[in-house]
Full PDB file with SEQRES, HELIX, SHEET, SSBOND, CRYST1, ORIGX, SCALE, CONECT and MASTER records, all heavy atoms in Angstrom:
SEQRES   1 A   33  GLY TYR PRO ASP GLY PHE ASP GLY TRP GLY CYS ILE ASP          
SEQRES   2 A   33  ARG ILE THR ASP ASP GLU VAL VAL ILE ASP ASP VAL SER          
SEQRES   3 A   33  MET ALA LEU ALA ARG ILE ILE                                  
SHEET    1 AA1 3 ILE A  12  ILE A  15  0                                        
SHEET    2 AA1 3 GLU A  19  ILE A  22 -1                                        
SHEET    3 AA1 3 VAL A  25  ALA A  28 -1                                        
CRYST1    1.000    1.000    1.000  90.00  90.00  90.00 P 1           1          
ORIGX1      1.000000  0.000000  0.000000        0.00000                         
ORIGX2      0.000000  1.000000  0.000000        0.00000                         
ORIGX3      0.000000  0.000000  1.000000        0.00000                         
SCALE1      1.000000  0.000000  0.000000        0.00000                         
SCALE2      0.000000  1.000000  0.000000        0.00000                         
SCALE3      0.000000  0.000000  1.000000        0.00000                         
ATOM      1  N   GLY A   1      -8.925 -55.655  44.169  1.00  0.00           N  
ATOM      2  CA  GLY A   1      -7.834 -55.661  45.149  1.00  0.00           C  
ATOM      3  C   GLY A   1      -8.126 -55.784  46.468  1.00  0.00           C  
ATOM      4  O   GLY A   1      -7.244 -55.926  47.345  1.00  0.00           O  
ATOM      5  N   TYR A   2      -9.385 -55.688  46.800  1.00  0.00           N  
ATOM      6  CA  TYR A   2      -9.909 -55.916  48.298  1.00  0.00           C  
ATOM      7  C   TYR A   2      -9.884 -57.494  48.504  1.00  0.00           C  
ATOM      8  O   TYR A   2     -10.093 -58.338  47.502  1.00  0.00           O  
ATOM      9  CB  TYR A   2     -11.327 -55.317  48.427  1.00  0.00           C  
ATOM     10  CG  TYR A   2     -11.348 -53.910  48.850  1.00  0.00           C  
ATOM     11  CD1 TYR A   2     -10.425 -53.000  48.233  1.00  0.00           C  
ATOM     12  CD2 TYR A   2     -12.118 -53.563  49.827  1.00  0.00           C  
ATOM     13  CE1 TYR A   2     -10.387 -51.702  48.589  1.00  0.00           C  
ATOM     14  CE2 TYR A   2     -12.120 -52.205  50.252  1.00  0.00           C  
ATOM     15  CZ  TYR A   2     -11.339 -51.285  49.584  1.00  0.00           C  
ATOM     16  OH  TYR A   2     -11.302 -49.929  50.140  1.00  0.00           O  
ATOM     17  N   PRO A   3      -9.860 -57.918  49.769  1.00  0.00           N  
ATOM     18  CA  PRO A   3      -9.800 -59.225  50.013  1.00  0.00           C  
ATOM     19  C   PRO A   3     -11.205 -59.894  49.844  1.00  0.00           C  
ATOM     20  O   PRO A   3     -12.227 -59.180  49.784  1.00  0.00           O  
ATOM     21  CB  PRO A   3      -9.419 -59.416  51.587  1.00  0.00           C  
ATOM     22  CG  PRO A   3      -9.773 -58.054  52.100  1.00  0.00           C  
ATOM     23  CD  PRO A   3      -9.639 -57.006  50.926  1.00  0.00           C  
ATOM     24  N   ASP A   4     -11.272 -61.143  49.783  1.00  0.00           N  
ATOM     25  CA  ASP A   4     -12.577 -61.791  49.475  1.00  0.00           C  
ATOM     26  C   ASP A   4     -13.463 -61.849  50.774  1.00  0.00           C  
ATOM     27  O   ASP A   4     -14.730 -62.070  50.775  1.00  0.00           O  
ATOM     28  CB  ASP A   4     -12.395 -63.349  49.144  1.00  0.00           C  
ATOM     29  CG  ASP A   4     -11.804 -63.421  47.689  1.00  0.00           C  
ATOM     30  OD1 ASP A   4     -12.065 -62.600  46.932  1.00  0.00           O  
ATOM     31  OD2 ASP A   4     -11.054 -64.471  47.555  1.00  0.00           O  
ATOM     32  N   GLY A   5     -12.983 -61.509  51.970  1.00  0.00           N  
ATOM     33  CA  GLY A   5     -13.634 -61.443  53.119  1.00  0.00           C  
ATOM     34  C   GLY A   5     -12.838 -60.740  54.302  1.00  0.00           C  
ATOM     35  O   GLY A   5     -11.684 -60.496  53.970  1.00  0.00           O  
ATOM     36  N   PHE A   6     -13.445 -60.525  55.383  1.00  0.00           N  
ATOM     37  CA  PHE A   6     -12.807 -59.778  56.508  1.00  0.00           C  
ATOM     38  C   PHE A   6     -12.954 -60.657  57.796  1.00  0.00           C  
ATOM     39  O   PHE A   6     -13.871 -61.452  57.712  1.00  0.00           O  
ATOM     40  CB  PHE A   6     -13.412 -58.524  56.670  1.00  0.00           C  
ATOM     41  CG  PHE A   6     -13.318 -57.461  55.380  1.00  0.00           C  
ATOM     42  CD1 PHE A   6     -14.364 -57.339  54.679  1.00  0.00           C  
ATOM     43  CD2 PHE A   6     -12.121 -56.995  55.088  1.00  0.00           C  
ATOM     44  CE1 PHE A   6     -14.358 -56.522  53.519  1.00  0.00           C  
ATOM     45  CE2 PHE A   6     -11.974 -56.174  53.999  1.00  0.00           C  
ATOM     46  CZ  PHE A   6     -13.036 -56.036  53.047  1.00  0.00           C  
ATOM     47  N   ASP A   7     -12.068 -60.290  58.738  1.00  0.00           N  
ATOM     48  CA  ASP A   7     -12.386 -60.888  60.105  1.00  0.00           C  
ATOM     49  C   ASP A   7     -13.633 -60.228  60.695  1.00  0.00           C  
ATOM     50  O   ASP A   7     -14.182 -60.912  61.600  1.00  0.00           O  
ATOM     51  CB  ASP A   7     -11.119 -60.654  61.085  1.00  0.00           C  
ATOM     52  CG  ASP A   7     -10.080 -61.548  60.513  1.00  0.00           C  
ATOM     53  OD1 ASP A   7     -10.174 -62.698  60.051  1.00  0.00           O  
ATOM     54  OD2 ASP A   7      -8.849 -61.041  60.636  1.00  0.00           O  
ATOM     55  N   GLY A   8     -14.058 -59.197  60.330  1.00  0.00           N  
ATOM     56  CA  GLY A   8     -15.190 -58.364  60.735  1.00  0.00           C  
ATOM     57  C   GLY A   8     -15.352 -57.038  59.879  1.00  0.00           C  
ATOM     58  O   GLY A   8     -14.473 -56.663  59.209  1.00  0.00           O  
ATOM     59  N   TRP A   9     -16.467 -56.426  60.243  1.00  0.00           N  
ATOM     60  CA  TRP A   9     -16.663 -55.198  59.494  1.00  0.00           C  
ATOM     61  C   TRP A   9     -17.905 -54.487  60.291  1.00  0.00           C  
ATOM     62  O   TRP A   9     -18.626 -55.048  60.918  1.00  0.00           O  
ATOM     63  CB  TRP A   9     -17.129 -55.356  58.046  1.00  0.00           C  
ATOM     64  CG  TRP A   9     -18.243 -56.332  57.795  1.00  0.00           C  
ATOM     65  CD1 TRP A   9     -18.123 -57.736  57.592  1.00  0.00           C  
ATOM     66  CD2 TRP A   9     -19.600 -56.040  57.623  1.00  0.00           C  
ATOM     67  NE1 TRP A   9     -19.365 -58.154  57.311  1.00  0.00           N  
ATOM     68  CE2 TRP A   9     -20.304 -57.132  57.520  1.00  0.00           C  
ATOM     69  CE3 TRP A   9     -20.386 -54.846  57.835  1.00  0.00           C  
ATOM     70  CZ2 TRP A   9     -21.719 -57.364  57.408  1.00  0.00           C  
ATOM     71  CZ3 TRP A   9     -21.689 -54.906  57.745  1.00  0.00           C  
ATOM     72  CH2 TRP A   9     -22.468 -56.164  57.520  1.00  0.00           C  
ATOM     73  N   GLY A  10     -17.986 -53.198  60.085  1.00  0.00           N  
ATOM     74  CA  GLY A  10     -18.880 -52.436  60.738  1.00  0.00           C  
ATOM     75  C   GLY A  10     -18.675 -50.886  60.594  1.00  0.00           C  
ATOM     76  O   GLY A  10     -17.690 -50.495  59.917  1.00  0.00           O  
ATOM     77  N   CYS A  11     -19.490 -50.077  61.143  1.00  0.00           N  
ATOM     78  CA  CYS A  11     -19.312 -48.588  61.151  1.00  0.00           C  
ATOM     79  C   CYS A  11     -18.435 -48.106  62.229  1.00  0.00           C  
ATOM     80  O   CYS A  11     -18.616 -48.590  63.448  1.00  0.00           O  
ATOM     81  CB  CYS A  11     -20.588 -47.897  61.258  1.00  0.00           C  
ATOM     82  SG  CYS A  11     -21.695 -48.055  59.810  1.00  0.00           S  
ATOM     83  N   ILE A  12     -17.427 -47.313  61.870  1.00  0.00           N  
ATOM     84  CA  ILE A  12     -16.534 -46.793  62.763  1.00  0.00           C  
ATOM     85  C   ILE A  12     -17.248 -45.655  63.686  1.00  0.00           C  
ATOM     86  O   ILE A  12     -17.785 -44.782  63.293  1.00  0.00           O  
ATOM     87  CB  ILE A  12     -15.337 -46.101  62.087  1.00  0.00           C  
ATOM     88  CG1 ILE A  12     -14.531 -47.189  61.378  1.00  0.00           C  
ATOM     89  CG2 ILE A  12     -14.332 -45.390  63.069  1.00  0.00           C  
ATOM     90  CD1 ILE A  12     -13.341 -46.541  60.529  1.00  0.00           C  
ATOM     91  N   ASP A  13     -17.171 -45.964  64.990  1.00  0.00           N  
ATOM     92  CA  ASP A  13     -17.698 -44.877  65.922  1.00  0.00           C  
ATOM     93  C   ASP A  13     -16.729 -43.958  66.440  1.00  0.00           C  
ATOM     94  O   ASP A  13     -16.963 -42.912  66.672  1.00  0.00           O  
ATOM     95  CB  ASP A  13     -18.323 -45.723  67.234  1.00  0.00           C  
ATOM     96  CG  ASP A  13     -19.371 -46.578  66.727  1.00  0.00           C  
ATOM     97  OD1 ASP A  13     -20.358 -46.168  66.040  1.00  0.00           O  
ATOM     98  OD2 ASP A  13     -19.499 -47.765  67.267  1.00  0.00           O  
ATOM     99  N   ARG A  14     -15.342 -44.510  66.517  1.00  0.00           N  
ATOM    100  CA  ARG A  14     -14.336 -43.605  67.061  1.00  0.00           C  
ATOM    101  C   ARG A  14     -13.018 -44.348  66.622  1.00  0.00           C  
ATOM    102  O   ARG A  14     -12.952 -45.594  66.629  1.00  0.00           O  
ATOM    103  CB  ARG A  14     -14.347 -43.435  68.524  1.00  0.00           C  
ATOM    104  CG  ARG A  14     -13.277 -42.598  69.141  1.00  0.00           C  
ATOM    105  CD  ARG A  14     -13.574 -42.288  70.561  1.00  0.00           C  
ATOM    106  NE  ARG A  14     -13.862 -43.474  71.455  1.00  0.00           N  
ATOM    107  CZ  ARG A  14     -13.037 -44.173  72.116  1.00  0.00           C  
ATOM    108  NH1 ARG A  14     -11.838 -43.990  71.897  1.00  0.00           N  
ATOM    109  NH2 ARG A  14     -13.382 -45.256  72.792  1.00  0.00           N  
ATOM    110  N   ILE A  15     -11.969 -43.594  66.256  1.00  0.00           N  
ATOM    111  CA  ILE A  15     -10.735 -44.300  66.028  1.00  0.00           C  
ATOM    112  C   ILE A  15      -9.502 -43.290  66.585  1.00  0.00           C  
ATOM    113  O   ILE A  15      -9.667 -41.999  66.607  1.00  0.00           O  
ATOM    114  CB  ILE A  15     -10.501 -44.297  64.495  1.00  0.00           C  
ATOM    115  CG1 ILE A  15      -9.280 -45.147  64.229  1.00  0.00           C  
ATOM    116  CG2 ILE A  15     -10.536 -43.010  63.728  1.00  0.00           C  
ATOM    117  CD1 ILE A  15      -9.083 -45.685  62.723  1.00  0.00           C  
ATOM    118  N   THR A  16      -8.584 -43.968  67.287  1.00  0.00           N  
ATOM    119  CA  THR A  16      -7.377 -43.141  67.778  1.00  0.00           C  
ATOM    120  C   THR A  16      -6.152 -43.908  67.313  1.00  0.00           C  
ATOM    121  O   THR A  16      -6.254 -44.702  66.371  1.00  0.00           O  
ATOM    122  CB  THR A  16      -7.429 -43.240  69.322  1.00  0.00           C  
ATOM    123  OG1 THR A  16      -7.249 -44.515  69.804  1.00  0.00           O  
ATOM    124  CG2 THR A  16      -8.703 -42.597  69.886  1.00  0.00           C  
ATOM    125  N   ASP A  17      -5.065 -43.492  67.882  1.00  0.00           N  
ATOM    126  CA  ASP A  17      -3.794 -44.205  67.252  1.00  0.00           C  
ATOM    127  C   ASP A  17      -3.624 -45.514  67.723  1.00  0.00           C  
ATOM    128  O   ASP A  17      -2.934 -46.321  67.107  1.00  0.00           O  
ATOM    129  CB  ASP A  17      -2.547 -43.236  67.783  1.00  0.00           C  
ATOM    130  CG  ASP A  17      -2.466 -41.996  67.039  1.00  0.00           C  
ATOM    131  OD1 ASP A  17      -2.973 -41.893  65.894  1.00  0.00           O  
ATOM    132  OD2 ASP A  17      -1.844 -41.109  67.699  1.00  0.00           O  
ATOM    133  N   ASP A  18      -4.315 -45.882  68.835  1.00  0.00           N  
ATOM    134  CA  ASP A  18      -4.075 -47.318  69.343  1.00  0.00           C  
ATOM    135  C   ASP A  18      -5.429 -48.214  69.457  1.00  0.00           C  
ATOM    136  O   ASP A  18      -5.408 -49.319  69.741  1.00  0.00           O  
ATOM    137  CB  ASP A  18      -3.441 -47.317  70.714  1.00  0.00           C  
ATOM    138  CG  ASP A  18      -4.169 -46.597  71.674  1.00  0.00           C  
ATOM    139  OD1 ASP A  18      -5.100 -45.865  71.362  1.00  0.00           O  
ATOM    140  OD2 ASP A  18      -3.711 -46.573  72.900  1.00  0.00           O  
ATOM    141  N   GLU A  19      -6.503 -47.590  69.081  1.00  0.00           N  
ATOM    142  CA  GLU A  19      -7.680 -48.325  69.179  1.00  0.00           C  
ATOM    143  C   GLU A  19      -8.749 -47.832  68.117  1.00  0.00           C  
ATOM    144  O   GLU A  19      -8.650 -46.764  67.682  1.00  0.00           O  
ATOM    145  CB  GLU A  19      -8.388 -48.525  70.478  1.00  0.00           C  
ATOM    146  CG  GLU A  19      -9.123 -47.244  70.976  1.00  0.00           C  
ATOM    147  CD  GLU A  19      -9.843 -47.438  72.225  1.00  0.00           C  
ATOM    148  OE1 GLU A  19     -10.105 -48.497  72.720  1.00  0.00           O  
ATOM    149  OE2 GLU A  19     -10.281 -46.321  72.690  1.00  0.00           O  
ATOM    150  N   VAL A  20      -9.689 -48.680  67.766  1.00  0.00           N  
ATOM    151  CA  VAL A  20     -10.788 -48.284  66.871  1.00  0.00           C  
ATOM    152  C   VAL A  20     -12.099 -48.862  67.549  1.00  0.00           C  
ATOM    153  O   VAL A  20     -12.019 -49.978  68.085  1.00  0.00           O  
ATOM    154  CB  VAL A  20     -10.737 -48.754  65.613  1.00  0.00           C  
ATOM    155  CG1 VAL A  20     -10.630 -50.297  65.448  1.00  0.00           C  
ATOM    156  CG2 VAL A  20     -11.771 -48.214  64.665  1.00  0.00           C  
ATOM    157  N   VAL A  21     -13.035 -48.171  67.603  1.00  0.00           N  
ATOM    158  CA  VAL A  21     -14.477 -48.707  68.049  1.00  0.00           C  
ATOM    159  C   VAL A  21     -15.366 -48.853  66.840  1.00  0.00           C  
ATOM    160  O   VAL A  21     -15.703 -47.839  66.098  1.00  0.00           O  
ATOM    161  CB  VAL A  21     -15.128 -47.585  69.093  1.00  0.00           C  
ATOM    162  CG1 VAL A  21     -16.396 -48.172  69.456  1.00  0.00           C  
ATOM    163  CG2 VAL A  21     -14.186 -47.440  70.320  1.00  0.00           C  
ATOM    164  N   ILE A  22     -15.731 -50.008  66.699  1.00  0.00           N  
ATOM    165  CA  ILE A  22     -16.645 -50.293  65.506  1.00  0.00           C  
ATOM    166  C   ILE A  22     -17.853 -51.108  65.952  1.00  0.00           C  
ATOM    167  O   ILE A  22     -17.820 -52.025  66.668  1.00  0.00           O  
ATOM    168  CB  ILE A  22     -15.940 -51.354  64.416  1.00  0.00           C  
ATOM    169  CG1 ILE A  22     -14.640 -50.637  63.928  1.00  0.00           C  
ATOM    170  CG2 ILE A  22     -16.824 -51.782  63.308  1.00  0.00           C  
ATOM    171  CD1 ILE A  22     -13.783 -51.454  62.989  1.00  0.00           C  
ATOM    172  N   ASP A  23     -18.856 -50.436  65.644  1.00  0.00           N  
ATOM    173  CA  ASP A  23     -20.297 -50.847  66.215  1.00  0.00           C  
ATOM    174  C   ASP A  23     -20.323 -51.118  67.679  1.00  0.00           C  
ATOM    175  O   ASP A  23     -20.595 -52.105  68.201  1.00  0.00           O  
ATOM    176  CB  ASP A  23     -20.718 -52.172  65.490  1.00  0.00           C  
ATOM    177  CG  ASP A  23     -21.128 -51.848  64.031  1.00  0.00           C  
ATOM    178  OD1 ASP A  23     -21.334 -50.679  63.710  1.00  0.00           O  
ATOM    179  OD2 ASP A  23     -21.035 -52.703  63.206  1.00  0.00           O  
ATOM    180  N   ASP A  24     -19.727 -50.103  68.411  1.00  0.00           N  
ATOM    181  CA  ASP A  24     -19.698 -50.124  69.888  1.00  0.00           C  
ATOM    182  C   ASP A  24     -18.773 -51.136  70.492  1.00  0.00           C  
ATOM    183  O   ASP A  24     -18.911 -51.475  71.685  1.00  0.00           O  
ATOM    184  CB  ASP A  24     -21.070 -50.343  70.531  1.00  0.00           C  
ATOM    185  CG  ASP A  24     -22.014 -49.174  70.130  1.00  0.00           C  
ATOM    186  OD1 ASP A  24     -21.473 -48.015  70.070  1.00  0.00           O  
ATOM    187  OD2 ASP A  24     -23.235 -49.360  69.991  1.00  0.00           O  
ATOM    188  N   VAL A  25     -17.895 -51.714  69.756  1.00  0.00           N  
ATOM    189  CA  VAL A  25     -16.903 -52.591  70.191  1.00  0.00           C  
ATOM    190  C   VAL A  25     -15.444 -52.174  69.959  1.00  0.00           C  
ATOM    191  O   VAL A  25     -15.099 -51.730  69.007  1.00  0.00           O  
ATOM    192  CB  VAL A  25     -16.990 -53.979  69.479  1.00  0.00           C  
ATOM    193  CG1 VAL A  25     -15.892 -55.007  69.906  1.00  0.00           C  
ATOM    194  CG2 VAL A  25     -18.324 -54.643  69.658  1.00  0.00           C  
ATOM    195  N   SER A  26     -14.707 -51.922  71.173  1.00  0.00           N  
ATOM    196  CA  SER A  26     -13.430 -51.452  71.041  1.00  0.00           C  
ATOM    197  C   SER A  26     -12.445 -52.504  70.786  1.00  0.00           C  
ATOM    198  O   SER A  26     -12.414 -53.583  71.270  1.00  0.00           O  
ATOM    199  CB  SER A  26     -13.007 -50.758  72.423  1.00  0.00           C  
ATOM    200  OG  SER A  26     -11.745 -50.409  72.491  1.00  0.00           O  
ATOM    201  N   MET A  27     -11.586 -52.255  69.801  1.00  0.00           N  
ATOM    202  CA  MET A  27     -10.596 -53.212  69.350  1.00  0.00           C  
ATOM    203  C   MET A  27      -9.145 -52.506  69.225  1.00  0.00           C  
ATOM    204  O   MET A  27      -9.116 -51.395  68.775  1.00  0.00           O  
ATOM    205  CB  MET A  27     -10.863 -53.771  67.931  1.00  0.00           C  
ATOM    206  CG  MET A  27     -12.137 -54.710  68.108  1.00  0.00           C  
ATOM    207  SD  MET A  27     -12.716 -55.254  66.505  1.00  0.00           S  
ATOM    208  CE  MET A  27     -13.787 -53.929  66.097  1.00  0.00           C  
ATOM    209  N   ALA A  28      -8.069 -53.152  69.625  1.00  0.00           N  
ATOM    210  CA  ALA A  28      -6.842 -52.624  69.506  1.00  0.00           C  
ATOM    211  C   ALA A  28      -6.247 -52.606  68.183  1.00  0.00           C  
ATOM    212  O   ALA A  28      -6.568 -53.507  67.379  1.00  0.00           O  
ATOM    213  CB  ALA A  28      -5.853 -53.491  70.421  1.00  0.00           C  
ATOM    214  N   LEU A  29      -5.527 -51.507  67.917  1.00  0.00           N  
ATOM    215  CA  LEU A  29      -4.729 -51.485  66.406  1.00  0.00           C  
ATOM    216  C   LEU A  29      -3.351 -51.967  66.629  1.00  0.00           C  
ATOM    217  O   LEU A  29      -2.743 -51.678  67.698  1.00  0.00           O  
ATOM    218  CB  LEU A  29      -4.775 -50.115  66.066  1.00  0.00           C  
ATOM    219  CG  LEU A  29      -6.263 -49.413  65.650  1.00  0.00           C  
ATOM    220  CD1 LEU A  29      -6.080 -48.042  65.281  1.00  0.00           C  
ATOM    221  CD2 LEU A  29      -6.952 -50.235  64.498  1.00  0.00           C  
ATOM    222  N   ALA A  30      -2.892 -52.641  65.606  1.00  0.00           N  
ATOM    223  CA  ALA A  30      -1.493 -53.130  65.640  1.00  0.00           C  
ATOM    224  C   ALA A  30      -0.584 -51.891  65.548  1.00  0.00           C  
ATOM    225  O   ALA A  30      -0.937 -50.873  65.188  1.00  0.00           O  
ATOM    226  CB  ALA A  30      -1.370 -54.056  64.443  1.00  0.00           C  
ATOM    227  N   ARG A  31       0.651 -52.054  65.899  1.00  0.00           N  
ATOM    228  CA  ARG A  31       1.602 -50.888  65.844  1.00  0.00           C  
ATOM    229  C   ARG A  31       1.703 -50.362  64.472  1.00  0.00           C  
ATOM    230  O   ARG A  31       1.912 -49.157  64.302  1.00  0.00           O  
ATOM    231  CB  ARG A  31       3.007 -51.373  66.435  1.00  0.00           C  
ATOM    232  CG  ARG A  31       3.013 -51.506  67.944  1.00  0.00           C  
ATOM    233  CD  ARG A  31       4.346 -52.042  68.489  1.00  0.00           C  
ATOM    234  NE  ARG A  31       5.428 -51.335  67.758  1.00  0.00           N  
ATOM    235  CZ  ARG A  31       6.492 -50.773  68.472  1.00  0.00           C  
ATOM    236  NH1 ARG A  31       6.453 -50.827  69.695  1.00  0.00           N  
ATOM    237  NH2 ARG A  31       7.336 -50.262  67.833  1.00  0.00           N  
ATOM    238  N   ILE A  32       1.827 -51.356  63.480  1.00  0.00           N  
ATOM    239  CA  ILE A  32       1.851 -50.966  62.180  1.00  0.00           C  
ATOM    240  C   ILE A  32       0.502 -51.379  61.542  1.00  0.00           C  
ATOM    241  O   ILE A  32       0.184 -52.624  61.474  1.00  0.00           O  
ATOM    242  CB  ILE A  32       3.026 -51.684  61.417  1.00  0.00           C  
ATOM    243  CG1 ILE A  32       4.320 -51.133  62.061  1.00  0.00           C  
ATOM    244  CG2 ILE A  32       2.972 -51.271  59.971  1.00  0.00           C  
ATOM    245  CD1 ILE A  32       5.568 -51.957  61.602  1.00  0.00           C  
ATOM    246  N   ILE A  33      -0.239 -50.510  60.893  1.00  0.00           N  
ATOM    247  CA  ILE A  33      -1.525 -50.773  60.458  1.00  0.00           C  
ATOM    248  C   ILE A  33      -1.505 -50.348  58.926  1.00  0.00           C  
ATOM    249  O   ILE A  33      -1.096 -49.263  58.635  1.00  0.00           O  
ATOM    250  CB  ILE A  33      -2.664 -50.101  61.184  1.00  0.00           C  
ATOM    251  CG1 ILE A  33      -3.976 -50.507  60.700  1.00  0.00           C  
ATOM    252  CG2 ILE A  33      -2.543 -48.657  61.356  1.00  0.00           C  
ATOM    253  CD1 ILE A  33      -5.285 -50.369  61.667  1.00  0.00           C  
TER     254      ILE A  33                                                      
MASTER        0    0    0    0    3    0    0    6  253    1    0    3          
END                                                                             
C-alpha cells in the first residue's frame, strides 16, 4: 500500500502543525496532510 517512491525521505528532527524538519531541512506542511 506504500508508494513505489517518494519525493524525499529522511529522519524527522522536528515536526509542528505547519512545518517538518527532516535531516536539518525545514519544509512546509500542506493545510491538509
